[in-house]
Protein backbone atom coordinates (compact mmCIF):
# COMPACT_ATOMS: atom_id res chain seq x y z
CA UNK A 1 0.11 -0.14 0.13
CA UNK A 2 1.32 3.59 -0.68
CA UNK A 3 1.77 5.92 2.04
CA UNK A 4 -1.14 8.48 2.81
CA UNK A 5 -0.44 12.15 1.68
CA UNK A 6 -0.01 13.32 5.38
CA UNK A 7 2.27 10.41 6.11
CA UNK A 8 4.69 10.94 3.40
CA UNK A 9 7.13 13.47 5.37
CA UNK A 10 7.70 13.37 8.92
CA UNK A 11 10.94 15.02 10.26
CA UNK A 12 10.67 16.14 13.97
CA UNK A 13 12.69 18.88 15.35
CA UNK A 14 14.19 17.08 18.41
CA UNK A 15 14.77 13.67 19.77
CA UNK A 16 11.51 11.54 20.07
CA UNK A 17 10.78 8.38 22.36
CA UNK A 18 10.58 5.09 19.93
CA UNK A 19 6.98 4.62 21.21
CA UNK A 20 5.88 7.85 19.38
CA UNK A 21 6.77 6.53 16.04
CA UNK A 22 3.64 5.21 14.33
CA UNK A 23 4.89 1.54 13.57
CA UNK A 24 1.50 0.24 12.71
CA UNK A 25 0.91 2.65 10.02
CA UNK A 26 4.62 2.23 8.76
CA UNK A 27 3.88 -1.82 8.72
CA UNK A 28 1.07 -0.90 6.24
CA UNK A 29 3.23 0.49 3.65
CA UNK A 30 4.84 -1.94 0.86
CA UNK A 31 5.44 -1.90 -2.92
CA UNK A 32 6.29 -4.60 -5.50
CA UNK A 33 9.84 -3.73 -5.87
CA UNK A 34 12.80 -3.01 -3.62
CA UNK A 35 12.25 0.83 -3.29
CA UNK A 36 12.20 1.51 0.42
CA UNK A 37 15.52 2.59 2.19
CA UNK A 38 15.94 2.10 5.80
CA UNK A 39 18.80 3.34 7.99
CA UNK A 40 19.41 2.75 11.69
CA UNK A 41 22.77 4.45 13.12
CA UNK A 42 24.20 5.35 16.47
CA UNK A 43 25.13 8.95 16.26
CA UNK A 44 27.09 11.37 18.07
CA UNK A 45 31.07 11.64 18.53
CA UNK A 46 33.97 11.14 15.91
CA UNK A 47 34.10 7.57 16.37
CA UNK A 48 30.59 6.97 15.28
CA UNK A 49 30.86 9.46 12.54
CA UNK A 50 34.02 7.41 11.13
CA UNK A 51 32.25 3.90 11.63
CA UNK A 52 29.04 5.31 10.22
CA UNK A 53 30.56 6.37 7.09
CA UNK A 54 32.56 3.41 6.55
CA UNK A 55 29.27 1.01 7.31
CA UNK A 56 26.97 3.02 4.90
CA UNK A 57 29.67 3.33 2.13
CA UNK A 58 30.26 -0.64 2.26
CA UNK A 59 26.30 -1.27 2.39
CA UNK A 60 25.60 1.03 -0.56
CA UNK A 61 28.29 -0.33 -2.58
CA UNK A 62 26.86 -4.10 -1.85
CA UNK A 63 23.26 -3.09 -2.71
CA UNK A 64 24.19 -1.37 -6.00
CA UNK A 65 26.11 -4.48 -7.17
CA UNK A 66 23.01 -6.65 -6.98
CA UNK A 67 20.35 -4.14 -8.35
CA UNK A 68 19.22 -3.98 -12.00
CA UNK A 69 20.05 -0.76 -13.68
CA UNK A 70 16.46 1.07 -13.22
CA UNK A 71 16.43 -0.32 -9.56
CA UNK A 72 19.85 1.09 -9.22
CA UNK A 73 19.03 4.50 -10.65
CA UNK A 74 15.99 4.99 -7.99
CA UNK A 75 17.93 3.88 -5.13
CA UNK A 76 20.81 6.44 -6.13
CA UNK A 77 17.93 9.12 -6.08
CA UNK A 78 16.58 7.78 -2.82
CA UNK A 79 20.07 7.75 -1.19
CA UNK A 80 20.73 11.27 -2.55
CA UNK A 81 17.48 12.54 -0.90
CA UNK A 82 18.47 11.05 2.53
CA UNK A 83 22.04 11.40 2.52
CA UNK A 84 22.71 14.80 4.11
CA UNK A 85 20.29 13.19 7.05
CA UNK A 86 22.27 10.15 7.39
CA UNK A 87 25.55 12.06 8.11
CA UNK A 88 23.99 15.18 9.40
CA UNK A 89 25.53 16.14 12.83
CA UNK A 90 23.85 14.98 15.98
CA UNK A 91 21.76 17.40 17.96
CA UNK A 92 21.82 17.98 21.42
CA UNK A 93 20.89 14.56 23.41
CA UNK A 94 20.52 12.72 20.17
CA UNK A 95 22.24 9.27 20.33
CA UNK A 96 20.71 7.57 17.72
CA UNK A 97 19.03 8.00 14.28
CA UNK A 98 16.21 5.97 12.07
CA UNK A 99 15.65 7.21 8.34
CA UNK A 100 13.02 5.67 6.18
CA UNK A 101 13.07 6.99 2.50
CA UNK A 102 11.53 6.23 -0.83
CA UNK A 103 12.12 8.75 -3.85
CA UNK A 104 9.30 7.51 -5.94
CA UNK A 105 7.06 7.92 -3.26
CA UNK A 106 8.52 11.28 -2.11
CA UNK A 107 8.52 9.41 1.39
CA UNK A 108 11.16 10.54 3.80
CA UNK A 109 10.76 9.79 7.62
CA UNK A 110 13.80 10.92 9.95
CA UNK A 111 13.56 10.30 13.80
CA UNK A 112 16.28 11.39 16.33
CA UNK A 113 16.40 8.96 19.33
CA UNK A 114 17.84 9.24 22.74
CA UNK A 115 18.89 5.73 22.74
CA UNK A 116 21.28 4.12 20.35
CA UNK A 117 20.18 1.35 17.91
CA UNK A 118 22.01 -1.10 16.11
CA UNK A 119 23.43 -0.38 12.69
CA UNK A 120 21.38 -1.26 9.58
CA UNK A 121 21.11 -0.04 6.24
CA UNK A 122 18.37 -2.02 4.26
CA UNK A 123 16.66 -1.71 0.95
CA UNK A 124 13.25 -3.56 0.78
CA UNK A 125 9.64 -3.44 -0.35
CA UNK A 126 8.78 -1.88 2.94
CA UNK A 127 10.36 0.13 5.76
CA UNK A 128 12.19 -2.35 7.61
CA UNK A 129 10.76 -2.30 11.14
CA UNK A 130 11.89 -5.24 13.14
CA UNK A 131 14.97 -3.08 14.71
CA UNK A 132 12.36 -0.40 15.77
CA UNK A 133 10.12 -2.97 17.29
CA UNK A 134 12.85 -4.18 19.20
CA UNK A 135 13.79 -0.63 20.52
CA UNK A 136 10.16 -0.09 21.32
CA UNK A 137 10.32 -3.46 23.58
CA UNK A 138 13.17 -2.62 25.22
CA UNK A 139 12.40 0.93 25.83
CA UNK A 140 8.64 0.96 26.94
CA UNK A 141 7.34 4.09 28.65
CA UNK A 142 6.81 3.84 32.31
CA UNK A 143 6.49 6.27 35.25
CA UNK A 144 8.66 7.15 38.41
CA UNK A 145 6.67 8.75 41.19
CA UNK A 146 9.15 10.46 43.57
CA UNK A 147 7.73 11.12 46.80
CA UNK A 148 8.16 12.45 50.59
CA UNK A 149 5.78 13.82 52.94
CA UNK A 150 6.45 17.25 51.44
CA UNK A 151 6.87 16.80 47.83
CA UNK A 152 5.68 14.63 45.04
CA UNK A 153 6.86 14.63 41.41
CA UNK A 154 5.60 12.35 38.70
CA UNK A 155 8.20 11.70 35.92
CA UNK A 156 7.53 9.56 32.72
CA UNK A 157 10.59 8.10 31.29
CA UNK A 158 10.30 7.73 27.76
CA UNK A 159 13.23 5.92 25.51
CA UNK A 160 15.50 7.52 28.24
CA UNK A 161 14.07 10.88 28.06
CA UNK A 162 12.52 11.89 31.37
CA UNK A 163 9.37 14.08 30.98
CA UNK A 164 8.26 15.56 34.26
CA UNK A 165 4.57 15.48 34.17
CA UNK A 166 3.47 16.42 37.74
CA UNK A 167 5.08 18.52 40.65
CA UNK A 168 3.10 18.96 43.72
CA UNK A 169 4.53 20.26 47.43
CA UNK A 170 3.25 21.53 50.74
CA UNK A 171 4.46 23.38 53.41
CA UNK A 172 3.50 21.55 56.33
CA UNK A 173 5.13 23.60 58.94
CA UNK A 174 3.99 26.75 57.67
CA UNK A 175 0.19 25.42 57.47
CA UNK A 176 0.39 23.95 61.07
CA UNK A 177 2.80 26.07 63.30
CA UNK A 178 3.31 24.65 66.57
CA UNK A 179 2.86 27.62 68.57
CA UNK A 180 1.07 26.86 72.02
CA UNK A 181 -0.69 23.85 70.75
CA UNK A 182 0.22 20.60 72.53
CA UNK A 183 2.44 18.17 71.07
CA UNK A 184 -0.42 15.55 70.47
CA UNK A 185 -2.52 18.17 68.82
CA UNK A 186 0.18 19.40 66.38
CA UNK A 187 1.01 15.82 65.37
CA UNK A 188 -2.62 15.22 64.56
CA UNK A 189 -2.82 18.39 62.52
CA UNK A 190 0.33 17.52 60.69
CA UNK A 191 -0.86 13.88 60.12
CA UNK A 192 -4.04 15.15 58.68
CA UNK A 193 -2.36 17.60 56.38
CA UNK A 194 0.17 14.64 55.14
CA UNK A 195 -2.90 12.60 54.47
CA UNK A 196 -4.56 15.62 52.60
CA UNK A 197 -1.61 15.82 50.57
CA UNK A 198 -1.32 12.51 49.71
CA UNK A 199 -4.90 12.46 48.48
CA UNK A 200 -3.92 15.07 46.20
CA UNK A 201 -1.09 13.24 44.78
CA UNK A 202 -3.24 10.03 44.13
CA UNK A 203 -5.77 12.18 42.32
CA UNK A 204 -2.82 13.58 40.29
CA UNK A 205 -1.20 10.08 39.75
CA UNK A 206 -4.51 8.54 38.88
CA UNK A 207 -5.32 11.30 35.99
CA UNK A 208 -1.74 10.98 34.58
CA UNK A 209 -1.87 7.17 34.29
CA UNK A 210 -5.14 7.41 32.65
CA UNK A 211 -3.67 9.98 29.94
CA UNK A 212 -0.33 8.03 29.44
CA UNK A 213 0.04 4.28 28.01
CA UNK A 214 2.69 3.48 30.50
CA UNK A 215 3.80 -0.21 31.19
CA UNK A 216 4.12 0.39 34.83
CA UNK A 217 5.13 2.66 37.86
CA UNK A 218 8.09 2.86 40.18
CA UNK A 219 7.65 4.28 43.43
CA UNK A 220 10.69 6.25 44.79
CA UNK A 221 11.89 8.54 47.62
CA UNK A 222 13.23 8.58 51.09
CA UNK A 223 11.63 7.33 54.22
CA UNK A 224 8.23 5.70 55.06
CA UNK A 225 6.25 8.00 52.75
CA UNK A 226 5.97 5.80 49.94
CA UNK A 227 4.37 3.13 51.80
CA UNK A 228 1.95 5.41 53.25
CA UNK A 229 0.83 6.48 49.65
CA UNK A 230 0.56 2.97 48.36
CA UNK A 231 -1.83 2.06 51.06
CA UNK A 232 -4.19 4.85 49.73
CA UNK A 233 -3.57 4.23 45.81
CA UNK A 234 -6.59 2.68 43.93
CA UNK A 235 -5.90 -0.94 43.41
CA UNK A 236 -5.68 -0.64 39.53
CA UNK A 237 -2.63 1.83 40.14
CA UNK A 238 -1.40 -0.46 42.65
CA UNK A 239 -1.34 -3.44 39.96
CA UNK A 240 0.89 -1.08 37.87
CA UNK A 241 3.77 -0.91 40.58
CA UNK A 242 7.07 -2.09 39.24
CA UNK A 243 9.24 -1.69 41.97
CA UNK A 244 9.61 0.57 45.16
CA UNK A 245 12.95 1.98 46.03
CA UNK A 246 14.69 4.28 48.37
CA UNK A 247 16.43 7.38 46.80
CA UNK A 248 16.80 10.89 48.03
CA UNK A 249 14.31 13.47 46.60
CA UNK A 250 17.46 15.35 44.70
CA UNK A 251 18.47 12.10 42.89
CA UNK A 252 20.13 13.26 39.59
CA UNK A 253 17.93 12.52 36.77
CA UNK A 254 20.41 10.17 35.12
CA UNK A 255 20.61 8.17 38.04
CA UNK A 256 16.69 8.08 38.46
CA UNK A 257 16.32 6.83 34.94
CA UNK A 258 19.04 4.15 35.65
CA UNK A 259 17.04 3.08 38.64
CA UNK A 260 13.86 2.88 36.85
CA UNK A 261 15.13 1.11 33.91
CA UNK A 262 16.52 -1.86 36.13
CA UNK A 263 13.17 -2.09 37.92
CA UNK A 264 11.41 -2.34 34.30
CA UNK A 265 14.06 -5.00 33.18
CA UNK A 266 13.26 -7.06 36.21
CA UNK A 267 9.51 -6.80 35.34
CA UNK A 268 9.95 -7.64 31.74
CA UNK A 269 12.22 -10.67 32.47
CA UNK A 270 9.41 -12.00 34.82
CA UNK A 271 6.77 -11.44 32.02
CA UNK A 272 8.97 -13.38 29.37
CA UNK A 273 9.14 -16.25 31.82
CA UNK A 274 5.42 -16.28 32.29
CA UNK A 275 4.71 -16.06 28.56
CA UNK A 276 7.04 -18.66 27.73
CA UNK A 277 5.27 -20.89 30.23
CA UNK A 278 2.03 -20.16 28.84
CA UNK A 279 2.87 -20.70 25.49
CA UNK A 280 4.30 -24.14 26.29
CA UNK A 281 1.48 -25.16 28.55
CA UNK A 282 -0.98 -24.39 25.82
CA UNK A 283 0.92 -26.20 23.09
CA UNK A 284 1.21 -29.25 25.40
CA UNK A 285 -2.48 -29.35 25.94
CA UNK A 286 -3.56 -28.66 22.53
CA UNK A 287 -4.75 -25.49 23.49
CA UNK A 288 -4.74 -21.94 22.02
CA UNK A 289 -1.21 -21.66 20.81
CA UNK A 290 1.15 -22.42 17.82
CA UNK A 291 4.95 -22.57 17.43
CA UNK A 292 7.21 -22.49 14.32
CA UNK A 293 7.09 -20.17 11.35
CA UNK A 294 4.70 -21.86 9.12
CA UNK A 295 2.08 -22.47 11.82
CA UNK A 296 2.18 -18.94 13.11
CA UNK A 297 2.44 -17.37 9.51
CA UNK A 298 -0.96 -19.55 9.00
CA UNK A 299 -2.54 -18.07 11.91
CA UNK A 300 -1.50 -14.44 11.40
CA UNK A 301 -3.08 -14.96 7.78
CA UNK A 302 -6.15 -15.94 9.43
CA UNK A 303 -6.21 -13.09 11.91
CA UNK A 304 -6.38 -15.78 14.84
CA UNK A 305 -3.18 -14.50 16.77
CA UNK A 306 -3.57 -12.65 19.96
CA UNK A 307 -0.17 -12.50 21.07
CA UNK A 308 3.32 -12.82 18.44
CA UNK A 309 5.86 -14.04 20.54
CA UNK A 310 9.66 -13.83 19.01
CA UNK A 311 12.75 -14.97 20.61
CA UNK A 312 15.02 -11.65 21.11
CA UNK A 313 17.80 -11.43 18.69
CA UNK A 314 16.68 -14.25 16.41
CA UNK A 315 16.56 -14.18 12.70
CA UNK A 316 14.80 -16.56 9.88
CA UNK A 317 15.89 -16.45 6.61
CA UNK A 318 13.29 -16.58 3.52
CA UNK A 319 11.56 -15.13 0.49
CA UNK A 320 8.30 -13.24 -0.05
CA UNK A 321 6.27 -12.68 -3.19
CA UNK A 322 5.90 -9.00 -3.50
CA UNK A 323 2.63 -9.65 -5.52
CA UNK A 324 0.68 -12.11 -3.29
CA UNK A 325 2.68 -11.88 -0.26
CA UNK A 326 3.70 -15.59 -0.29
CA UNK A 327 6.00 -16.34 2.40
CA UNK A 328 8.65 -19.09 2.67
CA UNK A 329 11.18 -19.59 5.57
CA UNK A 330 14.71 -21.18 5.28
CA UNK A 331 14.79 -21.33 1.32
CA UNK A 332 16.50 -19.39 -1.23
CA UNK A 333 14.01 -17.16 -3.35
CA UNK A 334 12.97 -18.69 -6.61
CA UNK A 335 12.96 -16.55 -9.89
CA UNK A 336 9.49 -16.22 -9.63
CA UNK A 337 6.79 -17.09 -7.02
CA UNK A 338 5.35 -20.64 -7.18
CA UNK A 339 1.78 -19.63 -6.42
CA UNK A 340 1.32 -16.44 -8.56
CA UNK A 341 4.35 -16.16 -10.87
CA UNK A 342 5.19 -12.83 -9.36
CA UNK A 343 8.64 -11.18 -8.26
CA UNK A 344 10.34 -12.71 -5.06
CA UNK A 345 12.67 -11.11 -2.79
CA UNK A 346 15.02 -12.26 0.16
CA UNK A 347 13.75 -11.36 3.70
CA UNK A 348 14.23 -12.19 7.27
CA UNK A 349 11.24 -13.85 7.65
CA UNK A 350 10.32 -12.59 11.25
CA UNK A 351 10.20 -9.13 10.01
CA UNK A 352 7.59 -9.98 7.69
CA UNK A 353 5.44 -12.02 10.66
CA UNK A 354 5.82 -8.63 12.66
CA UNK A 355 4.50 -6.64 9.86
CA UNK A 356 1.30 -9.02 9.47
CA UNK A 357 0.97 -9.11 13.32
CA UNK A 358 0.57 -5.18 13.20
CA UNK A 359 -1.78 -5.40 10.20
CA UNK A 360 -4.14 -7.85 12.00
CA UNK A 361 -4.22 -6.06 15.29
CA UNK A 362 -2.11 -8.77 17.26
CA UNK A 363 0.20 -7.72 20.20
CA UNK A 364 3.93 -8.55 19.79
CA UNK A 365 6.26 -9.49 22.47
CA UNK A 366 10.18 -10.37 22.60
CA UNK A 367 11.04 -13.22 25.02
CA UNK A 368 14.45 -13.93 26.31
CA UNK A 369 15.99 -17.27 25.83
CA UNK A 370 15.30 -18.38 29.32
CA UNK A 371 12.27 -20.47 29.55
CA UNK A 372 11.61 -20.16 25.69
CA UNK A 373 10.67 -23.10 23.58
CA UNK A 374 13.31 -25.96 23.96
CA UNK A 375 13.26 -26.66 20.30
CA UNK A 376 14.78 -24.76 17.64
CA UNK A 377 11.59 -22.69 17.10
CA UNK A 378 12.14 -18.98 17.45
CA UNK A 379 8.62 -17.59 17.14
CA UNK A 380 5.36 -18.89 18.52
CA UNK A 381 1.99 -17.36 19.05
CA UNK A 382 -1.03 -17.22 21.68
CA UNK A 383 -4.49 -17.43 19.71
CA UNK A 384 -7.84 -15.62 19.82
CA UNK A 385 -9.65 -18.79 18.88
């Protein structure tokens, strides 16, 4: 499918979280010929500039060596359109860059990231999205609520970009000066003021969580205020808590992100084990699950897949027909499709399964090797029916 007019050119000014990139709409774009250029590069620093230049030059030469004259000319035009953006200097805070380009469709997307991607330069019939999908899995959005009895800050961590969403504070001593009051009365009033402040914090946290699609919430701060606050959080917010950590209120932002990332990684590992166990259990009892490229592909084509499960870091060679989308794994591409006679091209089959999942509304999760299928299968699926 051709890109919509409003989706042909997207070049944000600054760094964007990977979760802001519209991967579902990108997955709907494809052509019959290899005309879409996808580039993933770490940027910043002289070493990256040097390595990127060598990598890009090598890949461009390799691609040109195997293209027909007409496709080579179109590739050259597309590369010229993107070249300045590929090698352009990094902006403040930029650590990575993703570029999707196609000259024949006047299509150009440039995304500056605060995280480093692995290097790729791919020419294919559609934007190459698997590295982006893996980045989205590694850098899911989550919240950090930094709180004590006087102050609360809600920070959303998005691809290692920290965005402060709420900042509340209260001056308990000025509100309730001890004066001639008894110690007991003063303590009671102070306790009521803290409770009132926490109620305000809860209200703001609930509203913020409803607005943001976050994976979970880390409760952080010094002392006992965290536990007091958790006790009055609604059950649905409590269910989102990834971890509770002791840190000072003035913790540097980089350290806060590092602590939050560690909590998120632990939760993701636990979820990976849970999903792997669920997949195995369903397969063993003949339930709603399949494993292996062919069975998963068939289920995706029938829109039966609820969750597509891919082993992290895996790859499956194969080919696809650009006319009828016939997909075969672990075989070399024939000159023409055995189903419709259309043109074929070499692909990473997992990339095609991922794009098919996006088009059919299936969730996608990348799982760790630990606990995954004991066979050589690197892909499985939990089914809707």
